[in-house]
Amino acid sequence: MEMADTLRALANERRLQILDWLKDPVANFPPQVDGDLVEDGVCGVFLAEKLGVSHPTLSEHMRVLAAAGLVTPKRIKQWTFYRRNEARIAEVKQAIAAGV
């Protein structure tokens, strides 16, 4: 994905909030039955509830973040779990600092 597309993904307050919550999932979300909060990520159900949006709305936000490489989705049973892609986030921060 081009840097401009990544920046557009970040130009949304809700997506920035999601990334912030995912920085410390244990502090921001309750324990999950399936999937480890840190290793597997946070279930989309919890993200939608905390954000106060419908599941389709959350899915669109997460699709944009995943397309930008900022989050990594993982399917467990019928659920999708998301965690930050720290390597990609570091690349984006470095590119922004370099003025790219």
PDB file of N, CA and C in Angstrom:
ATOM      1  N   MET A   1       0.837  -1.176   0.000  1.00  0.00           N
ATOM      2  CA  MET A   1       0.000   0.000   0.000  1.00  0.00           C
ATOM      3  C   MET A   1       0.886   1.245   0.000  1.00  0.00           C
ATOM      4  N   GLU A   2       0.472   2.218  -0.759  1.00  0.00           N
ATOM      5  CA  GLU A   2       1.207   3.472  -0.844  1.00  0.00           C
ATOM      6  C   GLU A   2       1.116   4.241   0.479  1.00  0.00           C
ATOM      7  N   MET A   3       2.116   5.069   0.739  1.00  0.00           N
ATOM      8  CA  MET A   3       2.133   5.839   1.982  1.00  0.00           C
ATOM      9  C   MET A   3       0.907   6.753   2.073  1.00  0.00           C
ATOM     10  N   ALA A   4       0.472   7.307   0.960  1.00  0.00           N
ATOM     11  CA  ALA A   4      -0.711   8.180   0.981  1.00  0.00           C
ATOM     12  C   ALA A   4      -1.939   7.411   1.464  1.00  0.00           C
ATOM     13  N   ASP A   5      -2.086   6.169   1.017  1.00  0.00           N
ATOM     14  CA  ASP A   5      -3.208   5.340   1.468  1.00  0.00           C
ATOM     15  C   ASP A   5      -3.102   5.032   2.959  1.00  0.00           C
ATOM     16  N   THR A   6      -1.890   4.788   3.424  1.00  0.00           N
ATOM     17  CA  THR A   6      -1.681   4.526   4.848  1.00  0.00           C
ATOM     18  C   THR A   6      -2.035   5.760   5.664  1.00  0.00           C
ATOM     19  N   LEU A   7      -1.638   6.918   5.188  1.00  0.00           N
ATOM     20  CA  LEU A   7      -1.957   8.157   5.902  1.00  0.00           C
ATOM     21  C   LEU A   7      -3.459   8.416   5.915  1.00  0.00           C
ATOM     22  N   ARG A   8      -4.150   8.065   4.816  1.00  0.00           N
ATOM     23  CA  ARG A   8      -5.606   8.198   4.795  1.00  0.00           C
ATOM     24  C   ARG A   8      -6.240   7.255   5.827  1.00  0.00           C
ATOM     25  N   ALA A   9      -5.664   6.064   5.978  1.00  0.00           N
ATOM     26  CA  ALA A   9      -6.173   5.120   6.983  1.00  0.00           C
ATOM     27  C   ALA A   9      -6.032   5.706   8.379  1.00  0.00           C
ATOM     28  N   LEU A  10      -4.967   6.466   8.602  1.00  0.00           N
ATOM     29  CA  LEU A  10      -4.711   7.069   9.908  1.00  0.00           C
ATOM     30  C   LEU A  10      -5.477   8.376  10.126  1.00  0.00           C
ATOM     31  N   ALA A  11      -6.082   8.890   9.078  1.00  0.00           N
ATOM     32  CA  ALA A  11      -6.766  10.179   9.155  1.00  0.00           C
ATOM     33  C   ALA A  11      -8.205  10.027   9.647  1.00  0.00           C
ATOM     34  N   ASN A  12      -8.416   9.085  10.537  1.00  0.00           N
ATOM     35  CA  ASN A  12      -9.750   8.841  11.074  1.00  0.00           C
ATOM     36  C   ASN A  12      -9.616   8.661  12.584  1.00  0.00           C
ATOM     37  N   GLU A  13     -10.358   9.460  13.329  1.00  0.00           N
ATOM     38  CA  GLU A  13     -10.255   9.447  14.787  1.00  0.00           C
ATOM     39  C   GLU A  13     -10.552   8.078  15.386  1.00  0.00           C
ATOM     40  N   ARG A  14     -11.545   7.393  14.838  1.00  0.00           N
ATOM     41  CA  ARG A  14     -11.909   6.077  15.385  1.00  0.00           C
ATOM     42  C   ARG A  14     -10.810   5.053  15.144  1.00  0.00           C
ATOM     43  N   ARG A  15     -10.205   5.094  13.969  1.00  0.00           N
ATOM     44  CA  ARG A  15      -9.115   4.144  13.690  1.00  0.00           C
ATOM     45  C   ARG A  15      -7.907   4.436  14.577  1.00  0.00           C
ATOM     46  N   LEU A  16      -7.633   5.697  14.824  1.00  0.00           N
ATOM     47  CA  LEU A  16      -6.541   6.045  15.739  1.00  0.00           C
ATOM     48  C   LEU A  16      -6.855   5.559  17.147  1.00  0.00           C
ATOM     49  N   GLN A  17      -8.121   5.664  17.561  1.00  0.00           N
ATOM     50  CA  GLN A  17      -8.521   5.195  18.880  1.00  0.00           C
ATOM     51  C   GLN A  17      -8.325   3.683  18.982  1.00  0.00           C
ATOM     52  N   ILE A  18      -8.703   2.956  17.942  1.00  0.00           N
ATOM     53  CA  ILE A  18      -8.526   1.501  17.926  1.00  0.00           C
ATOM     54  C   ILE A  18      -7.045   1.157  18.083  1.00  0.00           C
ATOM     55  N   LEU A  19      -6.191   1.818  17.313  1.00  0.00           N
ATOM     56  CA  LEU A  19      -4.749   1.548  17.411  1.00  0.00           C
ATOM     57  C   LEU A  19      -4.223   1.847  18.806  1.00  0.00           C
ATOM     58  N   ASP A  20      -4.733   2.908  19.414  1.00  0.00           N
ATOM     59  CA  ASP A  20      -4.305   3.255  20.764  1.00  0.00           C
ATOM     60  C   ASP A  20      -4.730   2.172  21.763  1.00  0.00           C
ATOM     61  N   TRP A  21      -5.965   1.709  21.676  1.00  0.00           N
ATOM     62  CA  TRP A  21      -6.433   0.645  22.570  1.00  0.00           C
ATOM     63  C   TRP A  21      -5.629  -0.633  22.375  1.00  0.00           C
ATOM     64  N   LEU A  22      -5.296  -0.947  21.130  1.00  0.00           N
ATOM     65  CA  LEU A  22      -4.566  -2.184  20.848  1.00  0.00           C
ATOM     66  C   LEU A  22      -3.115  -2.131  21.327  1.00  0.00           C
ATOM     67  N   LYS A  23      -2.629  -0.931  21.641  1.00  0.00           N
ATOM     68  CA  LYS A  23      -1.272  -0.790  22.178  1.00  0.00           C
ATOM     69  C   LYS A  23      -1.138  -1.540  23.502  1.00  0.00           C
ATOM     70  N   ASP A  24      -2.206  -1.532  24.309  1.00  0.00           N
ATOM     71  CA  ASP A  24      -2.214  -2.220  25.605  1.00  0.00           C
ATOM     72  C   ASP A  24      -3.547  -2.952  25.757  1.00  0.00           C
ATOM     73  N   PRO A  25      -3.703  -4.077  25.068  1.00  0.00           N
ATOM     74  CA  PRO A  25      -4.999  -4.760  25.075  1.00  0.00           C
ATOM     75  C   PRO A  25      -5.425  -5.271  26.447  1.00  0.00           C
ATOM     76  N   VAL A  26      -4.483  -5.670  27.286  1.00  0.00           N
ATOM     77  CA  VAL A  26      -4.831  -6.194  28.612  1.00  0.00           C
ATOM     78  C   VAL A  26      -5.472  -5.106  29.474  1.00  0.00           C
ATOM     79  N   ALA A  27      -4.992  -3.877  29.355  1.00  0.00           N
ATOM     80  CA  ALA A  27      -5.541  -2.770  30.132  1.00  0.00           C
ATOM     81  C   ALA A  27      -6.872  -2.271  29.576  1.00  0.00           C
ATOM     82  N   ASN A  28      -7.113  -2.485  28.288  1.00  0.00           N
ATOM     83  CA  ASN A  28      -8.279  -1.900  27.640  1.00  0.00           C
ATOM     84  C   ASN A  28      -9.441  -2.850  27.376  1.00  0.00           C
ATOM     85  N   PHE A  29      -9.209  -4.163  27.502  1.00  0.00           N
ATOM     86  CA  PHE A  29     -10.252  -5.123  27.168  1.00  0.00           C
ATOM     87  C   PHE A  29     -10.331  -6.230  28.218  1.00  0.00           C
ATOM     88  N   PRO A  30     -11.522  -6.801  28.385  1.00  0.00           N
ATOM     89  CA  PRO A  30     -11.676  -7.897  29.341  1.00  0.00           C
ATOM     90  C   PRO A  30     -11.046  -9.181  28.801  1.00  0.00           C
ATOM     91  N   PRO A  31     -10.812 -10.163  29.665  1.00  0.00           N
ATOM     92  CA  PRO A  31     -10.278 -11.449  29.195  1.00  0.00           C
ATOM     93  C   PRO A  31     -11.238 -12.078  28.183  1.00  0.00           C
ATOM     94  N   GLN A  32     -10.688 -12.819  27.260  1.00  0.00           N
ATOM     95  CA  GLN A  32     -11.470 -13.459  26.209  1.00  0.00           C
ATOM     96  C   GLN A  32     -11.518 -14.967  26.441  1.00  0.00           C
ATOM     97  N   VAL A  33     -12.603 -15.582  26.003  1.00  0.00           N
ATOM     98  CA  VAL A  33     -12.725 -17.038  26.084  1.00  0.00           C
ATOM     99  C   VAL A  33     -11.771 -17.678  25.081  1.00  0.00           C
ATOM    100  N   ASP A  34     -11.807 -17.185  23.854  1.00  0.00           N
ATOM    101  CA  ASP A  34     -10.916 -17.689  22.801  1.00  0.00           C
ATOM    102  C   ASP A  34      -9.863 -16.642  22.501  1.00  0.00           C
ATOM    103  N   GLY A  35      -8.649 -17.074  22.311  1.00  0.00           N
ATOM    104  CA  GLY A  35      -7.587 -16.168  21.903  1.00  0.00           C
ATOM    105  C   GLY A  35      -7.005 -15.351  23.043  1.00  0.00           C
ATOM    106  N   ASP A  36      -5.689 -15.266  23.044  1.00  0.00           N
ATOM    107  CA  ASP A  36      -4.955 -14.461  24.014  1.00  0.00           C
ATOM    108  C   ASP A  36      -4.945 -13.007  23.553  1.00  0.00           C
ATOM    109  N   LEU A  37      -5.247 -12.073  24.444  1.00  0.00           N
ATOM    110  CA  LEU A  37      -5.304 -10.659  24.080  1.00  0.00           C
ATOM    111  C   LEU A  37      -4.010 -10.164  23.441  1.00  0.00           C
ATOM    112  N   VAL A  38      -2.876 -10.612  23.943  1.00  0.00           N
ATOM    113  CA  VAL A  38      -1.586 -10.131  23.441  1.00  0.00           C
ATOM    114  C   VAL A  38      -1.136 -10.926  22.216  1.00  0.00           C
ATOM    115  N   GLU A  39      -1.161 -12.246  22.318  1.00  0.00           N
ATOM    116  CA  GLU A  39      -0.653 -13.090  21.232  1.00  0.00           C
ATOM    117  C   GLU A  39      -1.566 -13.115  20.011  1.00  0.00           C
ATOM    118  N   ASP A  40      -2.876 -13.219  20.247  1.00  0.00           N
ATOM    119  CA  ASP A  40      -3.823 -13.371  19.144  1.00  0.00           C
ATOM    120  C   ASP A  40      -4.508 -12.071  18.761  1.00  0.00           C
ATOM    121  N   GLY A  41      -4.607 -11.158  19.701  1.00  0.00           N
ATOM    122  CA  GLY A  41      -5.285  -9.899  19.440  1.00  0.00           C
ATOM    123  C   GLY A  41      -6.625  -9.830  20.140  1.00  0.00           C
ATOM    124  N   VAL A  42      -7.331  -8.761  19.869  1.00  0.00           N
ATOM    125  CA  VAL A  42      -8.618  -8.491  20.504  1.00  0.00           C
ATOM    126  C   VAL A  42      -9.731  -8.867  19.531  1.00  0.00           C
ATOM    127  N   CYS A  43     -10.744  -9.538  20.056  1.00  0.00           N
ATOM    128  CA  CYS A  43     -11.889  -9.944  19.250  1.00  0.00           C
ATOM    129  C   CYS A  43     -12.620  -8.703  18.723  1.00  0.00           C
ATOM    130  N   GLY A  44     -13.030  -8.761  17.473  1.00  0.00           N
ATOM    131  CA  GLY A  44     -13.769  -7.664  16.862  1.00  0.00           C
ATOM    132  C   GLY A  44     -15.037  -7.298  17.611  1.00  0.00           C
ATOM    133  N   VAL A  45     -15.652  -8.269  18.280  1.00  0.00           N
ATOM    134  CA  VAL A  45     -16.864  -8.000  19.069  1.00  0.00           C
ATOM    135  C   VAL A  45     -16.548  -6.991  20.174  1.00  0.00           C
ATOM    136  N   PHE A  46     -15.432  -7.199  20.876  1.00  0.00           N
ATOM    137  CA  PHE A  46     -15.044  -6.274  21.947  1.00  0.00           C
ATOM    138  C   PHE A  46     -14.711  -4.886  21.383  1.00  0.00           C
ATOM    139  N   LEU A  47     -14.045  -4.857  20.246  1.00  0.00           N
ATOM    140  CA  LEU A  47     -13.697  -3.575  19.625  1.00  0.00           C
ATOM    141  C   LEU A  47     -14.952  -2.802  19.238  1.00  0.00           C
ATOM    142  N   ALA A  48     -15.923  -3.483  18.624  1.00  0.00           N
ATOM    143  CA  ALA A  48     -17.167  -2.820  18.204  1.00  0.00           C
ATOM    144  C   ALA A  48     -17.916  -2.276  19.419  1.00  0.00           C
ATOM    145  N   GLU A  49     -17.996  -3.076  20.479  1.00  0.00           N
ATOM    146  CA  GLU A  49     -18.694  -2.636  21.689  1.00  0.00           C
ATOM    147  C   GLU A  49     -18.025  -1.418  22.304  1.00  0.00           C
ATOM    148  N   LYS A  50     -16.707  -1.467  22.442  1.00  0.00           N
ATOM    149  CA  LYS A  50     -15.976  -0.359  23.075  1.00  0.00           C
ATOM    150  C   LYS A  50     -16.066   0.915  22.229  1.00  0.00           C
ATOM    151  N   LEU A  51     -16.039   0.752  20.912  1.00  0.00           N
ATOM    152  CA  LEU A  51     -16.106   1.899  20.007  1.00  0.00           C
ATOM    153  C   LEU A  51     -17.541   2.420  19.876  1.00  0.00           C
ATOM    154  N   GLY A  52     -18.518   1.577  20.223  1.00  0.00           N
ATOM    155  CA  GLY A  52     -19.918   1.987  20.124  1.00  0.00           C
ATOM    156  C   GLY A  52     -20.437   2.005  18.700  1.00  0.00           C
ATOM    157  N   VAL A  53     -19.962   1.053  17.894  1.00  0.00           N
ATOM    158  CA  VAL A  53     -20.394   0.975  16.494  1.00  0.00           C
ATOM    159  C   VAL A  53     -20.917  -0.430  16.192  1.00  0.00           C
ATOM    160  N   SER A  54     -21.580  -0.558  15.058  1.00  0.00           N
ATOM    161  CA  SER A  54     -22.077  -1.865  14.640  1.00  0.00           C
ATOM    162  C   SER A  54     -20.909  -2.720  14.151  1.00  0.00           C
ATOM    163  N   HIS A  55     -21.151  -4.002  14.057  1.00  0.00           N
ATOM    164  CA  HIS A  55     -20.093  -4.905  13.583  1.00  0.00           C
ATOM    165  C   HIS A  55     -19.689  -4.605  12.133  1.00  0.00           C
ATOM    166  N   PRO A  56     -20.651  -4.297  11.233  1.00  0.00           N
ATOM    167  CA  PRO A  56     -20.230  -3.938   9.868  1.00  0.00           C
ATOM    168  C   PRO A  56     -19.362  -2.675   9.823  1.00  0.00           C
ATOM    169  N   THR A  57     -19.680  -1.697  10.673  1.00  0.00           N
ATOM    170  CA  THR A  57     -18.870  -0.467  10.710  1.00  0.00           C
ATOM    171  C   THR A  57     -17.462  -0.781  11.204  1.00  0.00           C
ATOM    172  N   LEU A  58     -17.378  -1.583  12.266  1.00  0.00           N
ATOM    173  CA  LEU A  58     -16.059  -1.961  12.766  1.00  0.00           C
ATOM    174  C   LEU A  58     -15.295  -2.731  11.690  1.00  0.00           C
ATOM    175  N   SER A  59     -15.957  -3.635  11.012  1.00  0.00           N
ATOM    176  CA  SER A  59     -15.299  -4.435   9.973  1.00  0.00           C
ATOM    177  C   SER A  59     -14.678  -3.547   8.902  1.00  0.00           C
ATOM    178  N   GLU A  60     -15.375  -2.468   8.539  1.00  0.00           N
ATOM    179  CA  GLU A  60     -14.829  -1.553   7.538  1.00  0.00           C
ATOM    180  C   GLU A  60     -13.590  -0.835   8.073  1.00  0.00           C
ATOM    181  N   HIS A  61     -13.645  -0.362   9.315  1.00  0.00           N
ATOM    182  CA  HIS A  61     -12.469   0.280   9.910  1.00  0.00           C
ATOM    183  C   HIS A  61     -11.292  -0.695   9.938  1.00  0.00           C
ATOM    184  N   MET A  62     -11.553  -1.926  10.342  1.00  0.00           N
ATOM    185  CA  MET A  62     -10.480  -2.910  10.457  1.00  0.00           C
ATOM    186  C   MET A  62      -9.956  -3.324   9.086  1.00  0.00           C
ATOM    187  N   ARG A  63     -10.840  -3.351   8.084  1.00  0.00           N
ATOM    188  CA  ARG A  63     -10.402  -3.670   6.719  1.00  0.00           C
ATOM    189  C   ARG A  63      -9.403  -2.619   6.236  1.00  0.00           C
ATOM    190  N   VAL A  64      -9.702  -1.346   6.505  1.00  0.00           N
ATOM    191  CA  VAL A  64      -8.817  -0.249   6.099  1.00  0.00           C
ATOM    192  C   VAL A  64      -7.479  -0.346   6.834  1.00  0.00           C
ATOM    193  N   LEU A  65      -7.526  -0.583   8.148  1.00  0.00           N
ATOM    194  CA  LEU A  65      -6.284  -0.701   8.923  1.00  0.00           C
ATOM    195  C   LEU A  65      -5.462  -1.912   8.477  1.00  0.00           C
ATOM    196  N   ALA A  66      -6.128  -3.017   8.193  1.00  0.00           N
ATOM    197  CA  ALA A  66      -5.417  -4.222   7.744  1.00  0.00           C
ATOM    198  C   ALA A  66      -4.818  -4.013   6.359  1.00  0.00           C
ATOM    199  N   ALA A  67      -5.552  -3.356   5.465  1.00  0.00           N
ATOM    200  CA  ALA A  67      -5.036  -3.084   4.117  1.00  0.00           C
ATOM    201  C   ALA A  67      -3.793  -2.204   4.177  1.00  0.00           C
ATOM    202  N   ALA A  68      -3.747  -1.310   5.162  1.00  0.00           N
ATOM    203  CA  ALA A  68      -2.576  -0.441   5.358  1.00  0.00           C
ATOM    204  C   ALA A  68      -1.452  -1.184   6.071  1.00  0.00           C
ATOM    205  N   GLY A  69      -1.734  -2.398   6.536  1.00  0.00           N
ATOM    206  CA  GLY A  69      -0.720  -3.184   7.235  1.00  0.00           C
ATOM    207  C   GLY A  69      -0.532  -2.785   8.688  1.00  0.00           C
ATOM    208  N   LEU A  70      -1.426  -1.961   9.214  1.00  0.00           N
ATOM    209  CA  LEU A  70      -1.267  -1.453  10.578  1.00  0.00           C
ATOM    210  C   LEU A  70      -1.781  -2.421  11.638  1.00  0.00           C
ATOM    211  N   VAL A  71      -2.676  -3.319  11.246  1.00  0.00           N
ATOM    212  CA  VAL A  71      -3.150  -4.377  12.147  1.00  0.00           C
ATOM    213  C   VAL A  71      -3.071  -5.705  11.412  1.00  0.00           C
ATOM    214  N   THR A  72      -3.001  -6.755  12.194  1.00  0.00           N
ATOM    215  CA  THR A  72      -2.962  -8.108  11.654  1.00  0.00           C
ATOM    216  C   THR A  72      -4.201  -8.855  12.125  1.00  0.00           C
ATOM    217  N   PRO A  73      -5.045  -9.306  11.194  1.00  0.00           N
ATOM    218  CA  PRO A  73      -6.214 -10.079  11.602  1.00  0.00           C
ATOM    219  C   PRO A  73      -5.864 -11.554  11.756  1.00  0.00           C
ATOM    220  N   LYS A  74      -6.585 -12.218  12.651  1.00  0.00           N
ATOM    221  CA  LYS A  74      -6.391 -13.659  12.858  1.00  0.00           C
ATOM    222  C   LYS A  74      -7.752 -14.274  13.141  1.00  0.00           C
ATOM    223  N   ARG A  75      -8.084 -15.311  12.375  1.00  0.00           N
ATOM    224  CA  ARG A  75      -9.359 -16.001  12.584  1.00  0.00           C
ATOM    225  C   ARG A  75      -9.181 -17.108  13.623  1.00  0.00           C
ATOM    226  N   ILE A  76     -10.072 -17.127  14.603  1.00  0.00           N
ATOM    227  CA  ILE A  76     -10.154 -18.217  15.571  1.00  0.00           C
ATOM    228  C   ILE A  76     -11.636 -18.562  15.655  1.00  0.00           C
ATOM    229  N   LYS A  77     -11.955 -19.812  15.293  1.00  0.00           N
ATOM    230  CA  LYS A  77     -13.354 -20.239  15.185  1.00  0.00           C
ATOM    231  C   LYS A  77     -14.063 -19.282  14.237  1.00  0.00           C
ATOM    232  N   GLN A  78     -15.207 -18.717  14.658  1.00  0.00           N
ATOM    233  CA  GLN A  78     -15.938 -17.809  13.768  1.00  0.00           C
ATOM    234  C   GLN A  78     -15.595 -16.345  14.011  1.00  0.00           C
ATOM    235  N   TRP A  79     -14.608 -16.070  14.853  1.00  0.00           N
ATOM    236  CA  TRP A  79     -14.280 -14.703  15.240  1.00  0.00           C
ATOM    237  C   TRP A  79     -12.992 -14.229  14.568  1.00  0.00           C
ATOM    238  N   THR A  80     -12.892 -12.902  14.410  1.00  0.00           N
ATOM    239  CA  THR A  80     -11.654 -12.311  13.918  1.00  0.00           C
ATOM    240  C   THR A  80     -11.056 -11.476  15.045  1.00  0.00           C
ATOM    241  N   PHE A  81      -9.778 -11.717  15.284  1.00  0.00           N
ATOM    242  CA  PHE A  81      -9.028 -11.021  16.329  1.00  0.00           C
ATOM    243  C   PHE A  81      -8.009 -10.116  15.653  1.00  0.00           C
ATOM    244  N   TYR A  82      -7.750  -8.965  16.258  1.00  0.00           N
ATOM    245  CA  TYR A  82      -6.843  -7.982  15.663  1.00  0.00           C
ATOM    246  C   TYR A  82      -5.769  -7.576  16.655  1.00  0.00           C
ATOM    247  N   ARG A  83      -4.552  -7.438  16.129  1.00  0.00           N
ATOM    248  CA  ARG A  83      -3.473  -6.871  16.937  1.00  0.00           C
ATOM    249  C   ARG A  83      -2.655  -5.937  16.064  1.00  0.00           C
ATOM    250  N   ARG A  84      -1.962  -5.040  16.724  1.00  0.00           N
ATOM    251  CA  ARG A  84      -1.140  -4.058  15.995  1.00  0.00           C
ATOM    252  C   ARG A  84       0.027  -4.744  15.305  1.00  0.00           C
ATOM    253  N   ASN A  85       0.391  -4.234  14.142  1.00  0.00           N
ATOM    254  CA  ASN A  85       1.590  -4.675  13.444  1.00  0.00           C
ATOM    255  C   ASN A  85       2.664  -3.641  13.763  1.00  0.00           C
ATOM    256  N   GLU A  86       3.399  -3.893  14.844  1.00  0.00           N
ATOM    257  CA  GLU A  86       4.367  -2.909  15.343  1.00  0.00           C
ATOM    258  C   GLU A  86       5.470  -2.602  14.335  1.00  0.00           C
ATOM    259  N   ALA A  87       5.874  -3.587  13.549  1.00  0.00           N
ATOM    260  CA  ALA A  87       6.926  -3.356  12.551  1.00  0.00           C
ATOM    261  C   ALA A  87       6.450  -2.350  11.498  1.00  0.00           C
ATOM    262  N   ARG A  88       5.226  -2.514  11.020  1.00  0.00           N
ATOM    263  CA  ARG A  88       4.686  -1.595  10.015  1.00  0.00           C
ATOM    264  C   ARG A  88       4.467  -0.210  10.616  1.00  0.00           C
ATOM    265  N   ILE A  89       3.981  -0.152  11.844  1.00  0.00           N
ATOM    266  CA  ILE A  89       3.766   1.135  12.491  1.00  0.00           C
ATOM    267  C   ILE A  89       5.096   1.874  12.644  1.00  0.00           C
ATOM    268  N   ALA A  90       6.154   1.154  12.988  1.00  0.00           N
ATOM    269  CA  ALA A  90       7.485   1.767  13.098  1.00  0.00           C
ATOM    270  C   ALA A  90       7.945   2.298  11.734  1.00  0.00           C
ATOM    271  N   GLU A  91       7.697   1.543  10.669  1.00  0.00           N
ATOM    272  CA  GLU A  91       8.061   1.991   9.315  1.00  0.00           C
ATOM    273  C   GLU A  91       7.344   3.294   8.974  1.00  0.00           C
ATOM    274  N   VAL A  92       6.060   3.362   9.276  1.00  0.00           N
ATOM    275  CA  VAL A  92       5.259   4.544   8.973  1.00  0.00           C
ATOM    276  C   VAL A  92       5.770   5.741   9.771  1.00  0.00           C
ATOM    277  N   LYS A  93       6.047   5.532  11.052  1.00  0.00           N
ATOM    278  CA  LYS A  93       6.582   6.618  11.883  1.00  0.00           C
ATOM    279  C   LYS A  93       7.906   7.116  11.325  1.00  0.00           C
ATOM    280  N   GLN A  94       8.760   6.189  10.902  1.00  0.00           N
ATOM    281  CA  GLN A  94      10.071   6.576  10.354  1.00  0.00           C
ATOM    282  C   GLN A  94       9.884   7.356   9.045  1.00  0.00           C
ATOM    283  N   ALA A  95       8.966   6.912   8.210  1.00  0.00           N
ATOM    284  CA  ALA A  95       8.730   7.602   6.940  1.00  0.00           C
ATOM    285  C   ALA A  95       8.180   9.010   7.184  1.00  0.00           C
ATOM    286  N   ILE A  96       7.295   9.145   8.154  1.00  0.00           N
ATOM    287  CA  ILE A  96       6.738  10.462   8.473  1.00  0.00           C
ATOM    288  C   ILE A  96       7.848  11.368   9.006  1.00  0.00           C
ATOM    289  N   ALA A  97       8.678  10.836   9.887  1.00  0.00           N
ATOM    290  CA  ALA A  97       9.790  11.636  10.443  1.00  0.00           C
ATOM    291  C   ALA A  97      10.767  12.063   9.352  1.00  0.00           C
ATOM    292  N   ALA A  98      10.935  11.216   8.337  1.00  0.00           N
ATOM    293  CA  ALA A  98      11.849  11.534   7.237  1.00  0.00           C
ATOM    294  C   ALA A  98      11.211  12.467   6.204  1.00  0.00           C
ATOM    295  N   GLY A  99       9.916  12.733   6.372  1.00  0.00           N
ATOM    296  CA  GLY A  99       9.238  13.636   5.449  1.00  0.00           C
ATOM    297  C   GLY A  99       8.826  12.996   4.152  1.00  0.00           C
ATOM    298  N   VAL A 100       8.674  11.681   4.157  1.00  0.00           N
ATOM    299  CA  VAL A 100       8.266  10.978   2.929  1.00  0.00           C
ATOM    300  C   VAL A 100       6.793  11.099   2.731  1.00  0.00           C
TER     301      VAL A 100
END
